Amino acid sequence: MPFINVKTNEKVSGSIADEIKSSLGKAITALPGKSEGWLMVGIEDEYRLWFRGSDEPAAIVEVSVYGSPAAQAMNDLTGRITDILTDNLSIPRDRIYVSYFSTPDWGWNGSNF
């Protein structure tokens, strides 16, 4: 039940958004028990975003997950997400933040797991 939300100040075309979505579907397997079959992805492009006082290309990625993945798994996913954004949007690695939010409660289909 993961959700990955990408916010970037870059413009993201439909084809690039689809490539990012597909790549994130593969990347989420870095977290044990997670798969594209349960992944929801959001991409907010042309987001007003400044980092280090500059509006040069940057991104903040929020990963919400049910449960508590191991630190190493999250580190692996961070690397994969960073590679996806640098490959598809040419955002420098040092201008990408990835944050994680885990919860023991997750609702779907009218009730909680």
N, C-alpha and C. Protein backbone atom coordinates (compact mmCIF):
# COMPACT_ATOMS: atom_id res chain seq x y z
N MET A 1 0.81 -1.19 0.00
CA MET A 1 0.00 0.00 0.00
C MET A 1 0.86 1.26 0.00
N PRO A 2 1.90 1.32 -0.76
CA PRO A 2 2.71 2.54 -0.78
C PRO A 2 2.11 3.61 -1.68
N PHE A 3 2.47 4.84 -1.36
CA PHE A 3 2.14 6.00 -2.19
C PHE A 3 3.41 6.80 -2.35
N ILE A 4 3.77 7.10 -3.59
CA ILE A 4 4.93 7.93 -3.87
C ILE A 4 4.45 9.19 -4.57
N ASN A 5 4.74 10.33 -3.97
CA ASN A 5 4.35 11.62 -4.54
C ASN A 5 5.61 12.40 -4.89
N VAL A 6 5.75 12.74 -6.16
CA VAL A 6 6.89 13.49 -6.66
C VAL A 6 6.46 14.92 -6.93
N LYS A 7 7.15 15.85 -6.29
CA LYS A 7 6.92 17.27 -6.55
C LYS A 7 8.21 17.83 -7.13
N THR A 8 8.08 18.48 -8.28
CA THR A 8 9.26 19.05 -8.92
C THR A 8 8.91 20.38 -9.56
N ASN A 9 9.91 21.24 -9.67
CA ASN A 9 9.70 22.51 -10.34
C ASN A 9 9.93 22.39 -11.85
N GLU A 10 10.22 21.20 -12.32
CA GLU A 10 10.39 20.94 -13.74
C GLU A 10 9.05 20.62 -14.40
N LYS A 11 8.94 20.89 -15.71
CA LYS A 11 7.77 20.47 -16.47
C LYS A 11 7.96 19.01 -16.82
N VAL A 12 6.90 18.21 -16.64
CA VAL A 12 6.96 16.78 -16.91
C VAL A 12 5.92 16.45 -17.98
N SER A 13 6.39 16.03 -19.14
CA SER A 13 5.46 15.68 -20.22
C SER A 13 4.74 14.38 -19.86
N GLY A 14 3.67 14.11 -20.57
CA GLY A 14 2.90 12.90 -20.32
C GLY A 14 3.72 11.64 -20.49
N SER A 15 4.55 11.59 -21.51
CA SER A 15 5.35 10.38 -21.74
C SER A 15 6.42 10.21 -20.66
N ILE A 16 7.00 11.30 -20.20
CA ILE A 16 8.01 11.22 -19.13
C ILE A 16 7.32 10.83 -17.82
N ALA A 17 6.15 11.38 -17.56
CA ALA A 17 5.41 11.02 -16.35
C ALA A 17 5.11 9.52 -16.35
N ASP A 18 4.73 8.98 -17.51
CA ASP A 18 4.44 7.56 -17.61
C ASP A 18 5.70 6.73 -17.36
N GLU A 19 6.83 7.18 -17.87
CA GLU A 19 8.09 6.48 -17.65
C GLU A 19 8.49 6.51 -16.17
N ILE A 20 8.31 7.67 -15.53
CA ILE A 20 8.62 7.77 -14.10
C ILE A 20 7.71 6.84 -13.31
N LYS A 21 6.41 6.84 -13.62
CA LYS A 21 5.45 5.98 -12.93
C LYS A 21 5.83 4.51 -13.08
N SER A 22 6.18 4.09 -14.28
CA SER A 22 6.57 2.71 -14.52
C SER A 22 7.86 2.35 -13.79
N SER A 23 8.82 3.26 -13.81
CA SER A 23 10.09 3.02 -13.13
C SER A 23 9.91 2.94 -11.62
N LEU A 24 9.04 3.78 -11.07
CA LEU A 24 8.76 3.72 -9.64
C LEU A 24 8.07 2.40 -9.29
N GLY A 25 7.27 1.87 -10.22
CA GLY A 25 6.63 0.58 -10.00
C GLY A 25 7.64 -0.54 -9.84
N LYS A 26 8.73 -0.45 -10.55
CA LYS A 26 9.81 -1.43 -10.40
C LYS A 26 10.62 -1.15 -9.15
N ALA A 27 10.88 0.12 -8.88
CA ALA A 27 11.73 0.52 -7.75
C ALA A 27 11.12 0.16 -6.40
N ILE A 28 9.80 0.19 -6.30
CA ILE A 28 9.15 -0.03 -5.00
C ILE A 28 9.44 -1.41 -4.45
N THR A 29 9.85 -2.33 -5.30
CA THR A 29 10.18 -3.68 -4.82
C THR A 29 11.41 -3.68 -3.92
N ALA A 30 12.10 -2.56 -3.81
CA ALA A 30 13.21 -2.44 -2.85
C ALA A 30 12.70 -2.61 -1.42
N LEU A 31 11.42 -2.30 -1.22
CA LEU A 31 10.81 -2.48 0.09
C LEU A 31 10.16 -3.87 0.11
N PRO A 32 10.60 -4.75 0.98
CA PRO A 32 10.05 -6.11 1.02
C PRO A 32 8.53 -6.10 1.16
N GLY A 33 7.88 -6.91 0.32
CA GLY A 33 6.44 -7.04 0.36
C GLY A 33 5.68 -5.98 -0.41
N LYS A 34 6.38 -5.03 -1.01
CA LYS A 34 5.70 -3.96 -1.76
C LYS A 34 5.85 -4.23 -3.25
N SER A 35 4.80 -3.89 -4.00
CA SER A 35 4.82 -4.12 -5.44
C SER A 35 4.02 -3.04 -6.16
N GLU A 36 4.20 -3.00 -7.47
CA GLU A 36 3.47 -2.04 -8.28
C GLU A 36 1.97 -2.28 -8.21
N GLY A 37 1.58 -3.53 -7.92
CA GLY A 37 0.17 -3.87 -7.85
C GLY A 37 -0.60 -3.08 -6.80
N TRP A 38 0.09 -2.55 -5.80
CA TRP A 38 -0.54 -1.77 -4.74
C TRP A 38 -0.02 -0.33 -4.69
N LEU A 39 0.85 0.03 -5.61
CA LEU A 39 1.47 1.36 -5.59
C LEU A 39 0.58 2.42 -6.22
N MET A 40 0.46 3.55 -5.53
CA MET A 40 -0.18 4.73 -6.08
C MET A 40 0.91 5.78 -6.26
N VAL A 41 0.91 6.46 -7.40
CA VAL A 41 1.93 7.45 -7.72
C VAL A 41 1.26 8.77 -8.07
N GLY A 42 1.81 9.86 -7.54
CA GLY A 42 1.38 11.19 -7.91
C GLY A 42 2.58 11.97 -8.42
N ILE A 43 2.39 12.78 -9.44
CA ILE A 43 3.47 13.63 -9.95
C ILE A 43 2.92 15.05 -10.08
N GLU A 44 3.52 15.94 -9.32
CA GLU A 44 3.13 17.35 -9.36
C GLU A 44 4.27 18.12 -10.01
N ASP A 45 4.10 18.47 -11.27
CA ASP A 45 5.16 19.21 -11.96
C ASP A 45 4.91 20.71 -11.89
N GLU A 46 5.92 21.46 -12.29
CA GLU A 46 5.89 22.92 -12.25
C GLU A 46 5.47 23.43 -10.86
N TYR A 47 5.87 22.69 -9.85
CA TYR A 47 5.60 23.02 -8.45
C TYR A 47 6.54 24.16 -8.04
N ARG A 48 6.05 25.12 -7.31
CA ARG A 48 6.91 26.21 -6.84
C ARG A 48 7.82 25.67 -5.75
N LEU A 49 9.07 25.45 -6.14
CA LEU A 49 10.01 24.76 -5.26
C LEU A 49 11.37 25.43 -5.35
N TRP A 50 11.89 25.79 -4.20
CA TRP A 50 13.23 26.38 -4.10
C TRP A 50 14.06 25.52 -3.18
N PHE A 51 15.32 25.35 -3.51
CA PHE A 51 16.24 24.62 -2.67
C PHE A 51 17.55 25.39 -2.65
N ARG A 52 18.07 25.61 -1.46
CA ARG A 52 19.29 26.41 -1.28
C ARG A 52 19.13 27.80 -1.88
N GLY A 53 17.90 28.33 -1.80
CA GLY A 53 17.62 29.67 -2.28
C GLY A 53 17.49 29.80 -3.78
N SER A 54 17.49 28.68 -4.49
CA SER A 54 17.46 28.69 -5.96
C SER A 54 16.28 27.89 -6.48
N ASP A 55 15.75 28.33 -7.63
CA ASP A 55 14.69 27.56 -8.27
C ASP A 55 15.23 26.71 -9.42
N GLU A 56 16.52 26.38 -9.37
CA GLU A 56 17.08 25.44 -10.34
C GLU A 56 16.37 24.10 -10.17
N PRO A 57 16.45 23.20 -11.17
CA PRO A 57 15.73 21.93 -11.08
C PRO A 57 15.95 21.22 -9.75
N ALA A 58 14.83 20.81 -9.14
CA ALA A 58 14.85 20.14 -7.84
C ALA A 58 13.59 19.30 -7.69
N ALA A 59 13.61 18.42 -6.69
CA ALA A 59 12.43 17.59 -6.43
C ALA A 59 12.40 17.19 -4.96
N ILE A 60 11.18 17.04 -4.45
CA ILE A 60 10.93 16.44 -3.15
C ILE A 60 10.02 15.26 -3.41
N VAL A 61 10.40 14.11 -2.89
CA VAL A 61 9.62 12.89 -3.10
C VAL A 61 9.17 12.39 -1.73
N GLU A 62 7.88 12.18 -1.59
CA GLU A 62 7.31 11.69 -0.34
C GLU A 62 6.85 10.25 -0.55
N VAL A 63 7.38 9.36 0.27
CA VAL A 63 7.04 7.95 0.18
C VAL A 63 6.26 7.59 1.44
N SER A 64 5.00 7.22 1.28
CA SER A 64 4.16 6.79 2.40
C SER A 64 3.99 5.28 2.30
N VAL A 65 4.21 4.59 3.42
CA VAL A 65 4.12 3.12 3.41
C VAL A 65 3.37 2.61 4.63
N TYR A 66 2.69 1.51 4.42
CA TYR A 66 2.04 0.78 5.49
C TYR A 66 3.09 -0.12 6.11
N GLY A 67 3.28 0.00 7.41
CA GLY A 67 4.30 -0.79 8.08
C GLY A 67 5.57 0.01 8.28
N SER A 68 6.62 -0.68 8.65
CA SER A 68 7.91 -0.03 8.94
C SER A 68 9.04 -0.74 8.21
N PRO A 69 9.36 -0.30 7.00
CA PRO A 69 10.44 -0.94 6.26
C PRO A 69 11.79 -0.75 6.97
N ALA A 70 12.71 -1.65 6.72
CA ALA A 70 14.06 -1.56 7.28
C ALA A 70 14.79 -0.37 6.67
N ALA A 71 15.69 0.21 7.45
CA ALA A 71 16.45 1.37 7.01
C ALA A 71 17.21 1.10 5.71
N GLN A 72 17.81 -0.08 5.58
CA GLN A 72 18.58 -0.39 4.37
C GLN A 72 17.68 -0.45 3.14
N ALA A 73 16.46 -0.97 3.30
CA ALA A 73 15.52 -1.03 2.18
C ALA A 73 15.13 0.38 1.74
N MET A 74 14.90 1.27 2.71
CA MET A 74 14.57 2.65 2.36
C MET A 74 15.76 3.34 1.69
N ASN A 75 16.96 3.04 2.15
CA ASN A 75 18.16 3.61 1.54
C ASN A 75 18.28 3.16 0.07
N ASP A 76 18.00 1.88 -0.16
CA ASP A 76 18.03 1.34 -1.52
C ASP A 76 16.99 2.04 -2.39
N LEU A 77 15.78 2.21 -1.86
CA LEU A 77 14.72 2.88 -2.62
C LEU A 77 15.10 4.33 -2.90
N THR A 78 15.70 5.00 -1.95
CA THR A 78 16.14 6.39 -2.19
C THR A 78 17.09 6.45 -3.38
N GLY A 79 18.03 5.52 -3.45
CA GLY A 79 18.95 5.48 -4.59
C GLY A 79 18.23 5.27 -5.90
N ARG A 80 17.27 4.36 -5.89
CA ARG A 80 16.51 4.08 -7.11
C ARG A 80 15.69 5.29 -7.55
N ILE A 81 15.02 5.94 -6.59
CA ILE A 81 14.21 7.12 -6.91
C ILE A 81 15.11 8.22 -7.47
N THR A 82 16.24 8.43 -6.84
CA THR A 82 17.17 9.45 -7.30
C THR A 82 17.61 9.17 -8.73
N ASP A 83 17.95 7.93 -9.03
CA ASP A 83 18.35 7.57 -10.39
C ASP A 83 17.23 7.83 -11.39
N ILE A 84 16.00 7.49 -11.03
CA ILE A 84 14.86 7.69 -11.92
C ILE A 84 14.69 9.17 -12.26
N LEU A 85 14.79 10.03 -11.26
CA LEU A 85 14.58 11.46 -11.51
C LEU A 85 15.75 12.08 -12.25
N THR A 86 16.97 11.66 -11.95
CA THR A 86 18.12 12.22 -12.69
C THR A 86 18.10 11.75 -14.13
N ASP A 87 17.70 10.51 -14.37
CA ASP A 87 17.65 9.98 -15.74
C ASP A 87 16.54 10.61 -16.58
N ASN A 88 15.39 10.85 -15.97
CA ASN A 88 14.23 11.32 -16.73
C ASN A 88 14.04 12.83 -16.74
N LEU A 89 14.54 13.51 -15.71
CA LEU A 89 14.31 14.95 -15.61
C LEU A 89 15.60 15.76 -15.52
N SER A 90 16.73 15.10 -15.51
CA SER A 90 18.03 15.78 -15.42
C SER A 90 18.15 16.66 -14.18
N ILE A 91 17.51 16.22 -13.10
CA ILE A 91 17.67 16.94 -11.83
C ILE A 91 18.94 16.42 -11.17
N PRO A 92 19.83 17.31 -10.75
CA PRO A 92 21.05 16.85 -10.08
C PRO A 92 20.72 16.06 -8.82
N ARG A 93 21.52 15.04 -8.55
CA ARG A 93 21.31 14.16 -7.39
C ARG A 93 21.24 14.94 -6.08
N ASP A 94 22.05 15.99 -5.98
CA ASP A 94 22.10 16.74 -4.72
C ASP A 94 20.99 17.79 -4.60
N ARG A 95 20.00 17.72 -5.52
CA ARG A 95 18.84 18.61 -5.43
C ARG A 95 17.55 17.80 -5.34
N ILE A 96 17.66 16.59 -4.80
CA ILE A 96 16.51 15.71 -4.62
C ILE A 96 16.45 15.27 -3.16
N TYR A 97 15.32 15.53 -2.53
CA TYR A 97 15.05 15.02 -1.19
C TYR A 97 14.05 13.88 -1.31
N VAL A 98 14.21 12.86 -0.48
CA VAL A 98 13.24 11.77 -0.38
C VAL A 98 12.90 11.62 1.09
N SER A 99 11.62 11.73 1.42
CA SER A 99 11.19 11.56 2.81
C SER A 99 10.25 10.36 2.91
N TYR A 100 10.25 9.75 4.08
CA TYR A 100 9.47 8.54 4.31
C TYR A 100 8.50 8.75 5.47
N PHE A 101 7.29 8.22 5.27
CA PHE A 101 6.25 8.26 6.29
C PHE A 101 5.68 6.85 6.40
N SER A 102 5.83 6.23 7.56
CA SER A 102 5.26 4.90 7.74
C SER A 102 4.13 4.97 8.76
N THR A 103 3.17 4.06 8.60
CA THR A 103 2.01 4.06 9.47
C THR A 103 1.54 2.63 9.73
N PRO A 104 1.02 2.37 10.92
CA PRO A 104 0.44 1.05 11.19
C PRO A 104 -1.01 0.97 10.71
N ASP A 105 -1.57 2.09 10.26
CA ASP A 105 -2.96 2.14 9.81
C ASP A 105 -3.02 2.61 8.37
N TRP A 106 -3.75 1.86 7.54
CA TRP A 106 -3.88 2.24 6.14
C TRP A 106 -5.27 1.81 5.70
N GLY A 107 -6.03 2.75 5.16
CA GLY A 107 -7.39 2.45 4.72
C GLY A 107 -7.46 2.19 3.24
N TRP A 108 -8.33 1.26 2.88
CA TRP A 108 -8.57 0.92 1.47
C TRP A 108 -9.91 0.21 1.37
N ASN A 109 -10.63 0.52 0.35
CA ASN A 109 -11.87 -0.18 0.06
C ASN A 109 -12.87 -0.10 1.20
N GLY A 110 -12.88 1.04 1.87
CA GLY A 110 -13.87 1.30 2.91
C GLY A 110 -13.52 0.83 4.31
N SER A 111 -12.32 0.24 4.50
CA SER A 111 -11.91 -0.15 5.83
C SER A 111 -10.39 -0.14 5.94
N ASN A 112 -9.88 -0.39 7.13
CA ASN A 112 -8.42 -0.37 7.34
C ASN A 112 -7.87 -1.78 7.37
N PHE A 113 -6.60 -1.87 6.97
CA PHE A 113 -5.89 -3.15 7.05
C PHE A 113 -5.59 -3.45 8.49
